[in-house]
């Protein structure tokens, strides 16, 4: 509705300019020049009014189409990103499973490797009690030694 009012205002403005030129130049003897100049101005304003009246709705449809295309492109790109992330996670999980399989096979074939890792872990420990299983898988406890150590710290 507002576009119709704007278009009518443009046409009316052109008509008033045309009539104004005819009236102002009529007294000077150049009415034909005023009429032609006014007709040109009126045609320009009528063209602007028609362009607004018919062109703006077409522009709105085109703009909405472009917004839809942009939303579709974004959704497609987001989906592709998610697919690539999922593929990367699957590949990482596959590589981790393969590494676990190789590690398990290595431990079965070379048990001394686990003993070496155990020694390395013990080297890194400080102020910790390590219980070693005996023949009956019962740990040898040293609770009395730890109690003495706590008393010495106090």
N, C-alpha and C. Protein backbone atom coordinates (compact mmCIF):
# COMPACT_ATOMS: atom_id res chain seq x y z
N UNK A 1 0.82 -1.19 0.00
CA UNK A 1 0.00 0.00 0.00
C UNK A 1 0.87 1.26 0.00
N UNK A 2 1.93 1.21 0.80
CA UNK A 2 2.81 2.38 0.88
C UNK A 2 3.53 2.62 -0.43
N UNK A 3 3.84 1.53 -1.15
CA UNK A 3 4.52 1.68 -2.44
C UNK A 3 3.62 2.38 -3.45
N UNK A 4 2.31 2.09 -3.38
CA UNK A 4 1.38 2.74 -4.29
C UNK A 4 1.34 4.25 -3.99
N UNK A 5 1.32 4.58 -2.70
CA UNK A 5 1.31 6.00 -2.33
C UNK A 5 2.59 6.72 -2.78
N UNK A 6 3.72 6.07 -2.65
CA UNK A 6 4.99 6.67 -3.08
C UNK A 6 4.99 6.86 -4.59
N UNK A 7 4.49 5.86 -5.33
CA UNK A 7 4.45 5.95 -6.80
C UNK A 7 3.51 7.08 -7.23
N UNK A 8 2.35 7.18 -6.58
CA UNK A 8 1.41 8.25 -6.91
C UNK A 8 2.03 9.61 -6.58
N UNK A 9 2.77 9.70 -5.47
CA UNK A 9 3.42 10.95 -5.09
C UNK A 9 4.46 11.35 -6.14
N UNK A 10 5.22 10.40 -6.66
CA UNK A 10 6.21 10.70 -7.71
C UNK A 10 5.52 11.22 -8.97
N UNK A 11 4.46 10.56 -9.36
CA UNK A 11 3.73 10.99 -10.57
C UNK A 11 3.13 12.38 -10.34
N UNK A 12 2.55 12.61 -9.17
CA UNK A 12 1.94 13.92 -8.86
C UNK A 12 3.01 15.00 -8.84
N UNK A 13 4.17 14.70 -8.26
CA UNK A 13 5.26 15.67 -8.23
C UNK A 13 5.71 16.03 -9.64
N UNK A 14 5.82 15.02 -10.49
CA UNK A 14 6.17 15.27 -11.90
C UNK A 14 5.12 16.12 -12.60
N UNK A 15 3.84 15.85 -12.32
CA UNK A 15 2.76 16.61 -12.93
C UNK A 15 2.81 18.07 -12.46
N UNK A 16 3.06 18.28 -11.17
CA UNK A 16 3.15 19.66 -10.65
C UNK A 16 4.35 20.39 -11.23
N UNK A 17 5.46 19.73 -11.40
CA UNK A 17 6.63 20.37 -12.02
C UNK A 17 6.31 20.74 -13.48
N UNK A 18 5.64 19.85 -14.16
CA UNK A 18 5.29 20.09 -15.56
C UNK A 18 4.37 21.30 -15.66
N UNK A 19 3.35 21.30 -14.85
CA UNK A 19 2.42 22.45 -14.87
C UNK A 19 3.11 23.73 -14.43
N UNK A 20 4.01 23.61 -13.44
CA UNK A 20 4.74 24.80 -12.97
C UNK A 20 5.61 25.38 -14.06
N UNK A 21 6.27 24.54 -14.83
CA UNK A 21 7.10 25.03 -15.93
C UNK A 21 6.25 25.68 -17.01
N UNK A 22 5.12 25.08 -17.30
CA UNK A 22 4.24 25.65 -18.34
C UNK A 22 3.77 27.03 -17.91
N UNK A 23 3.35 27.16 -16.67
CA UNK A 23 2.82 28.44 -16.18
C UNK A 23 3.92 29.48 -16.09
N UNK A 24 5.09 29.09 -15.56
CA UNK A 24 6.17 30.08 -15.38
C UNK A 24 6.74 30.54 -16.72
N UNK A 25 6.79 29.67 -17.70
CA UNK A 25 7.36 30.06 -18.99
C UNK A 25 6.30 30.60 -19.96
N UNK A 26 5.02 30.48 -19.62
CA UNK A 26 3.96 30.96 -20.52
C UNK A 26 3.98 32.48 -20.62
N UNK A 27 4.30 33.14 -19.54
CA UNK A 27 4.33 34.59 -19.56
C UNK A 27 5.52 35.13 -20.32
N UNK A 28 6.52 34.36 -20.55
CA UNK A 28 7.74 34.81 -21.22
C UNK A 28 7.73 34.48 -22.71
N UNK A 29 6.70 33.83 -23.15
CA UNK A 29 6.59 33.53 -24.57
C UNK A 29 7.23 32.22 -24.99
N UNK A 30 7.69 31.45 -24.10
CA UNK A 30 8.30 30.16 -24.46
C UNK A 30 7.50 29.02 -23.84
N UNK A 31 6.22 28.99 -24.11
CA UNK A 31 5.32 27.97 -23.57
C UNK A 31 5.63 26.59 -24.14
N UNK A 32 6.05 26.55 -25.39
CA UNK A 32 6.36 25.25 -26.02
C UNK A 32 7.58 24.62 -25.35
N UNK A 33 8.61 25.43 -25.09
CA UNK A 33 9.80 24.92 -24.41
C UNK A 33 9.44 24.45 -23.01
N UNK A 34 8.61 25.19 -22.30
CA UNK A 34 8.17 24.80 -20.96
C UNK A 34 7.36 23.53 -20.98
N UNK A 35 6.50 23.41 -22.00
CA UNK A 35 5.66 22.20 -22.11
C UNK A 35 6.52 20.98 -22.38
N UNK A 36 7.52 21.11 -23.25
CA UNK A 36 8.41 19.97 -23.55
C UNK A 36 9.28 19.62 -22.34
N UNK A 37 9.82 20.64 -21.70
CA UNK A 37 10.64 20.37 -20.51
C UNK A 37 9.80 19.72 -19.42
N UNK A 38 8.60 20.23 -19.24
CA UNK A 38 7.70 19.66 -18.23
C UNK A 38 7.32 18.24 -18.57
N UNK A 39 7.10 17.97 -19.88
CA UNK A 39 6.76 16.60 -20.29
C UNK A 39 7.90 15.64 -20.01
N UNK A 40 9.11 16.09 -20.22
CA UNK A 40 10.29 15.24 -19.93
C UNK A 40 10.37 14.96 -18.44
N UNK A 41 10.19 16.00 -17.62
CA UNK A 41 10.25 15.82 -16.16
C UNK A 41 9.11 14.91 -15.69
N UNK A 42 7.92 15.11 -16.28
CA UNK A 42 6.79 14.26 -15.91
C UNK A 42 7.06 12.81 -16.29
N UNK A 43 7.63 12.58 -17.47
CA UNK A 43 7.94 11.21 -17.92
C UNK A 43 8.97 10.56 -16.99
N UNK A 44 9.95 11.35 -16.58
CA UNK A 44 10.97 10.81 -15.66
C UNK A 44 10.32 10.42 -14.33
N UNK A 45 9.49 11.31 -13.77
CA UNK A 45 8.86 11.03 -12.49
C UNK A 45 7.86 9.88 -12.60
N UNK A 46 7.14 9.82 -13.73
CA UNK A 46 6.21 8.71 -13.94
C UNK A 46 6.98 7.39 -14.05
N UNK A 47 8.14 7.44 -14.71
CA UNK A 47 8.98 6.24 -14.81
C UNK A 47 9.48 5.79 -13.44
N UNK A 48 9.89 6.75 -12.62
CA UNK A 48 10.34 6.40 -11.26
C UNK A 48 9.18 5.80 -10.47
N UNK A 49 8.00 6.40 -10.60
CA UNK A 49 6.82 5.88 -9.90
C UNK A 49 6.49 4.47 -10.36
N UNK A 50 6.50 4.24 -11.68
CA UNK A 50 6.20 2.91 -12.22
C UNK A 50 7.26 1.90 -11.81
N UNK A 51 8.50 2.36 -11.81
CA UNK A 51 9.58 1.46 -11.39
C UNK A 51 9.42 1.03 -9.93
N UNK A 52 9.05 2.00 -9.09
CA UNK A 52 8.81 1.66 -7.69
C UNK A 52 7.60 0.74 -7.54
N UNK A 53 6.55 1.03 -8.28
CA UNK A 53 5.31 0.28 -8.15
C UNK A 53 5.47 -1.17 -8.63
N UNK A 54 6.17 -1.37 -9.72
CA UNK A 54 6.30 -2.72 -10.27
C UNK A 54 7.65 -3.38 -9.98
N UNK A 55 8.66 -2.57 -9.85
CA UNK A 55 10.00 -3.13 -9.65
C UNK A 55 10.27 -3.57 -8.22
N UNK A 56 9.74 -2.87 -7.25
CA UNK A 56 10.02 -3.20 -5.85
C UNK A 56 9.49 -4.58 -5.46
N UNK A 57 8.26 -4.94 -5.81
CA UNK A 57 7.81 -6.30 -5.48
C UNK A 57 8.66 -7.38 -6.14
N UNK A 58 9.06 -7.13 -7.37
CA UNK A 58 9.94 -8.09 -8.05
C UNK A 58 11.28 -8.19 -7.34
N UNK A 59 11.79 -7.05 -6.91
CA UNK A 59 13.05 -7.05 -6.15
C UNK A 59 12.90 -7.83 -4.85
N UNK A 60 11.78 -7.66 -4.15
CA UNK A 60 11.56 -8.38 -2.89
C UNK A 60 11.56 -9.90 -3.11
N UNK A 61 10.90 -10.34 -4.19
CA UNK A 61 10.89 -11.77 -4.52
C UNK A 61 12.30 -12.26 -4.81
N UNK A 62 13.04 -11.50 -5.58
CA UNK A 62 14.42 -11.87 -5.92
C UNK A 62 15.28 -11.92 -4.65
N UNK A 63 15.11 -10.91 -3.77
CA UNK A 63 15.89 -10.85 -2.53
C UNK A 63 15.59 -12.06 -1.64
N UNK A 64 14.33 -12.43 -1.52
CA UNK A 64 13.96 -13.59 -0.71
C UNK A 64 14.51 -14.87 -1.31
N UNK A 65 14.52 -14.95 -2.63
CA UNK A 65 15.12 -16.11 -3.29
C UNK A 65 16.60 -16.23 -2.99
N UNK A 66 17.30 -15.09 -3.02
CA UNK A 66 18.74 -15.08 -2.71
C UNK A 66 18.98 -15.46 -1.24
N UNK A 67 18.11 -14.97 -0.34
CA UNK A 67 18.25 -15.34 1.07
C UNK A 67 18.04 -16.84 1.25
N UNK A 68 17.08 -17.40 0.53
CA UNK A 68 16.84 -18.84 0.59
C UNK A 68 18.04 -19.63 0.08
N UNK A 69 18.61 -19.16 -1.03
CA UNK A 69 19.80 -19.82 -1.57
C UNK A 69 20.96 -19.76 -0.59
N UNK A 70 21.12 -18.61 0.08
CA UNK A 70 22.20 -18.47 1.07
C UNK A 70 21.97 -19.40 2.25
N UNK A 71 20.74 -19.51 2.71
CA UNK A 71 20.43 -20.41 3.83
C UNK A 71 20.67 -21.86 3.44
N UNK A 72 20.30 -22.22 2.22
CA UNK A 72 20.53 -23.58 1.73
C UNK A 72 22.02 -23.88 1.64
N UNK A 73 22.79 -22.93 1.12
CA UNK A 73 24.24 -23.12 1.00
C UNK A 73 24.87 -23.29 2.38
N UNK A 74 24.42 -22.50 3.35
CA UNK A 74 24.96 -22.60 4.72
C UNK A 74 24.60 -23.95 5.33
N UNK A 75 23.36 -24.38 5.16
CA UNK A 75 22.94 -25.68 5.69
C UNK A 75 23.74 -26.82 5.05
N UNK A 76 23.96 -26.73 3.76
CA UNK A 76 24.75 -27.75 3.06
C UNK A 76 26.18 -27.77 3.57
N UNK A 77 26.75 -26.60 3.76
CA UNK A 77 28.11 -26.52 4.26
C UNK A 77 28.20 -27.06 5.69
N UNK A 78 27.24 -26.71 6.54
CA UNK A 78 27.23 -27.22 7.91
C UNK A 78 27.13 -28.75 7.92
N UNK A 79 26.29 -29.29 7.04
CA UNK A 79 26.16 -30.76 6.96
C UNK A 79 27.47 -31.39 6.50
N UNK A 80 28.12 -30.79 5.53
CA UNK A 80 29.40 -31.33 5.05
C UNK A 80 30.45 -31.29 6.15
N UNK A 81 30.44 -30.23 6.95
CA UNK A 81 31.40 -30.13 8.07
C UNK A 81 31.15 -31.24 9.07
N UNK A 82 29.88 -31.48 9.40
CA UNK A 82 29.55 -32.55 10.36
C UNK A 82 29.96 -33.92 9.81
N UNK A 83 29.73 -34.13 8.54
CA UNK A 83 30.11 -35.41 7.92
C UNK A 83 31.63 -35.60 7.98
N UNK A 84 32.37 -34.55 7.67
CA UNK A 84 33.83 -34.65 7.71
C UNK A 84 34.34 -34.86 9.13
N UNK A 85 33.71 -34.21 10.10
CA UNK A 85 34.10 -34.42 11.50
C UNK A 85 33.83 -35.86 11.91
N UNK A 86 32.67 -36.40 11.51
CA UNK A 86 32.34 -37.78 11.84
C UNK A 86 33.33 -38.75 11.20
N UNK A 87 33.69 -38.48 9.95
CA UNK A 87 34.67 -39.33 9.27
C UNK A 87 36.02 -39.27 9.96
N UNK A 88 36.41 -38.09 10.41
CA UNK A 88 37.69 -37.95 11.12
C UNK A 88 37.66 -38.71 12.44
N UNK A 89 36.53 -38.65 13.15
CA UNK A 89 36.41 -39.40 14.41
C UNK A 89 36.46 -40.90 14.16
N UNK A 90 35.81 -41.34 13.08
CA UNK A 90 35.83 -42.77 12.76
C UNK A 90 37.25 -43.22 12.42
N UNK A 91 37.96 -42.41 11.68
CA UNK A 91 39.34 -42.74 11.32
C UNK A 91 40.22 -42.78 12.56
N UNK A 92 40.03 -41.81 13.47
CA UNK A 92 40.81 -41.78 14.71
C UNK A 92 40.51 -43.01 15.55
N UNK A 93 39.24 -43.39 15.64
CA UNK A 93 38.87 -44.58 16.41
C UNK A 93 39.46 -45.83 15.79
N UNK A 94 39.45 -45.89 14.47
CA UNK A 94 40.03 -47.04 13.76
C UNK A 94 41.53 -47.14 14.04
N UNK A 95 42.21 -46.00 13.97
CA UNK A 95 43.66 -45.99 14.24
C UNK A 95 43.95 -46.37 15.69
N UNK A 96 43.10 -45.90 16.63
CA UNK A 96 43.30 -46.24 18.04
C UNK A 96 43.08 -47.73 18.25
N UNK A 97 42.06 -48.31 17.60
CA UNK A 97 41.82 -49.75 17.73
C UNK A 97 42.99 -50.53 17.15
N UNK A 98 43.53 -50.07 16.05
CA UNK A 98 44.68 -50.74 15.44
C UNK A 98 45.90 -50.66 16.37
N UNK A 99 46.10 -49.50 16.98
CA UNK A 99 47.22 -49.34 17.91
C UNK A 99 47.04 -50.25 19.12
N UNK A 100 45.81 -50.37 19.63
CA UNK A 100 45.55 -51.27 20.76
C UNK A 100 45.81 -52.72 20.38
N UNK A 101 45.43 -53.08 19.17
CA UNK A 101 45.65 -54.44 18.70
C UNK A 101 47.15 -54.74 18.61
N UNK A 102 47.90 -53.80 18.07
CA UNK A 102 49.36 -53.98 17.95
C UNK A 102 49.99 -54.06 19.32
N UNK A 103 49.53 -53.20 20.24
CA UNK A 103 50.07 -53.22 21.61
C UNK A 103 49.77 -54.55 22.29
N UNK A 104 48.54 -55.04 22.15
CA UNK A 104 48.18 -56.33 22.75
C UNK A 104 49.01 -57.46 22.18
N UNK A 105 49.21 -57.44 20.88
CA UNK A 105 50.01 -58.47 20.22
C UNK A 105 51.46 -58.38 20.69
N UNK A 106 51.96 -57.17 20.85
CA UNK A 106 53.33 -56.97 21.32
C UNK A 106 53.50 -57.49 22.74
N UNK A 107 52.52 -57.25 23.58
CA UNK A 107 52.60 -57.72 24.97
C UNK A 107 52.60 -59.24 25.02
N UNK A 108 51.77 -59.85 24.17
CA UNK A 108 51.73 -61.33 24.16
C UNK A 108 53.05 -61.91 23.65
N UNK A 109 53.64 -61.28 22.64
CA UNK A 109 54.87 -61.82 22.05
C UNK A 109 56.12 -61.45 22.85
N UNK A 110 56.08 -60.27 23.49
CA UNK A 110 57.26 -59.80 24.22
C UNK A 110 56.84 -59.36 25.64
N UNK A 111 56.66 -60.29 26.56
CA UNK A 111 56.23 -59.92 27.91
C UNK A 111 57.26 -59.05 28.64
N UNK A 112 58.51 -59.14 28.24
CA UNK A 112 59.53 -58.31 28.89
C UNK A 112 59.31 -56.82 28.64
N UNK A 113 58.58 -56.50 27.58
CA UNK A 113 58.27 -55.10 27.29
C UNK A 113 57.38 -54.53 28.39
N UNK A 114 56.44 -55.31 28.88
CA UNK A 114 55.59 -54.86 29.98
C UNK A 114 56.39 -54.71 31.26
N UNK A 115 57.34 -55.61 31.48
CA UNK A 115 58.19 -55.47 32.65
C UNK A 115 59.00 -54.18 32.57
N UNK A 116 59.45 -53.83 31.37
CA UNK A 116 60.19 -52.59 31.19
C UNK A 116 59.30 -51.37 31.48
N UNK A 117 58.07 -51.42 31.00
CA UNK A 117 57.14 -50.32 31.28
C UNK A 117 56.86 -50.22 32.78
N UNK A 118 56.79 -51.36 33.45
CA UNK A 118 56.56 -51.37 34.89
C UNK A 118 57.73 -50.71 35.61
N UNK A 119 58.95 -51.03 35.17
CA UNK A 119 60.15 -50.43 35.78
C UNK A 119 60.14 -48.93 35.54
N UNK A 120 59.79 -48.50 34.35
CA UNK A 120 59.72 -47.07 34.04
C UNK A 120 58.68 -46.36 34.92
N UNK A 121 57.57 -47.02 35.15
CA UNK A 121 56.53 -46.43 36.00
C UNK A 121 57.00 -46.32 37.44
N UNK A 122 57.73 -47.29 37.92
CA UNK A 122 58.25 -47.26 39.29
C UNK A 122 59.27 -46.13 39.44
N UNK A 123 60.06 -45.89 38.42
CA UNK A 123 61.06 -44.82 38.48
C UNK A 123 60.42 -43.46 38.67
N UNK A 124 59.21 -43.29 38.16
CA UNK A 124 58.53 -42.00 38.23
C UNK A 124 57.77 -41.79 39.54
N UNK A 125 57.57 -42.83 40.31
CA UNK A 125 56.79 -42.71 41.55
C UNK A 125 57.67 -42.19 42.67
N UNK A 126 57.03 -41.40 43.54
CA UNK A 126 57.73 -40.88 44.71
C UNK A 126 56.78 -40.96 45.90
N UNK A 127 57.29 -41.37 47.03
CA UNK A 127 56.52 -41.45 48.27
C UNK A 127 55.25 -42.27 48.10
N UNK A 128 55.36 -43.38 47.43
CA UNK A 128 54.22 -44.27 47.26
C UNK A 128 54.62 -45.67 47.67
N UNK A 129 53.64 -46.40 48.18
CA UNK A 129 53.88 -47.78 48.58
C UNK A 129 53.44 -48.67 47.44
N UNK A 130 54.28 -49.57 47.04
CA UNK A 130 53.96 -50.50 45.97
C UNK A 130 53.91 -51.89 46.58
N UNK A 131 52.80 -52.55 46.40
CA UNK A 131 52.62 -53.90 46.94
C UNK A 131 52.89 -54.90 45.83
N UNK A 132 53.74 -55.84 46.10
CA UNK A 132 54.08 -56.88 45.15
C UNK A 132 53.41 -58.18 45.57
N UNK A 133 52.77 -58.88 44.68
CA UNK A 133 52.14 -60.13 45.06
C UNK A 133 53.20 -61.20 45.36
N UNK A 134 52.84 -62.05 46.28
CA UNK A 134 53.73 -63.18 46.62
C UNK A 134 53.24 -64.40 45.90
N UNK A 135 53.71 -65.56 46.32
CA UNK A 135 53.35 -66.80 45.63
C UNK A 135 51.84 -67.05 45.68
N UNK A 136 51.21 -66.73 46.78
CA UNK A 136 49.77 -66.98 46.91
C UNK A 136 48.95 -65.76 46.48
N UNK A 137 49.55 -64.82 45.80
CA UNK A 137 48.92 -63.58 45.35
C UNK A 137 48.40 -62.74 46.51
N UNK A 138 49.04 -62.84 47.63
CA UNK A 138 48.70 -62.03 48.79
C UNK A 138 49.80 -60.99 48.93
N UNK A 139 49.46 -59.70 48.97
CA UNK A 139 50.51 -58.69 49.06
C UNK A 139 51.18 -58.67 50.44
N UNK A 140 52.43 -58.34 50.43
CA UNK A 140 53.17 -58.19 51.67
C UNK A 140 52.98 -56.74 52.09
N UNK A 141 52.43 -56.55 53.26
CA UNK A 141 52.16 -55.19 53.70
C UNK A 141 53.27 -54.70 54.61
N UNK A 142 53.43 -53.42 54.60
CA UNK A 142 54.45 -52.78 55.44
C UNK A 142 53.79 -51.66 56.22
N UNK A 143 52.68 -51.94 56.81
CA UNK A 143 51.94 -50.91 57.52
C UNK A 143 52.73 -50.37 58.71
N UNK A 144 53.50 -51.22 59.32
CA UNK A 144 54.28 -50.74 60.48
C UNK A 144 55.34 -49.74 60.04
N UNK A 145 55.93 -49.95 58.89
CA UNK A 145 56.93 -49.02 58.39
C UNK A 145 56.31 -47.66 58.09
N UNK A 146 55.09 -47.65 57.53
CA UNK A 146 54.43 -46.39 57.21
C UNK A 146 54.02 -45.66 58.49
N UNK A 147 53.63 -46.41 59.52
CA UNK A 147 53.25 -45.77 60.79
C UNK A 147 54.48 -45.10 61.40
N UNK A 148 55.63 -45.75 61.35
CA UNK A 148 56.85 -45.17 61.88
C UNK A 148 57.22 -43.92 61.09
N UNK A 149 57.03 -43.97 59.79
CA UNK A 149 57.36 -42.82 58.93
C UNK A 149 56.49 -41.62 59.26
N UNK A 150 55.20 -41.83 59.54
CA UNK A 150 54.31 -40.73 59.90
C UNK A 150 54.70 -40.12 61.22
N UNK A 151 55.12 -40.93 62.15
CA UNK A 151 55.54 -40.41 63.46
C UNK A 151 56.81 -39.59 63.32
N UNK A 152 57.68 -40.00 62.44
CA UNK A 152 58.94 -39.25 62.24
C UNK A 152 58.65 -37.90 61.59
N UNK A 153 57.64 -37.83 60.75
CA UNK A 153 57.30 -36.58 60.07
C UNK A 153 56.75 -35.55 61.04
N UNK A 154 56.06 -36.02 62.08
CA UNK A 154 55.48 -35.11 63.07
C UNK A 154 56.56 -34.55 63.91
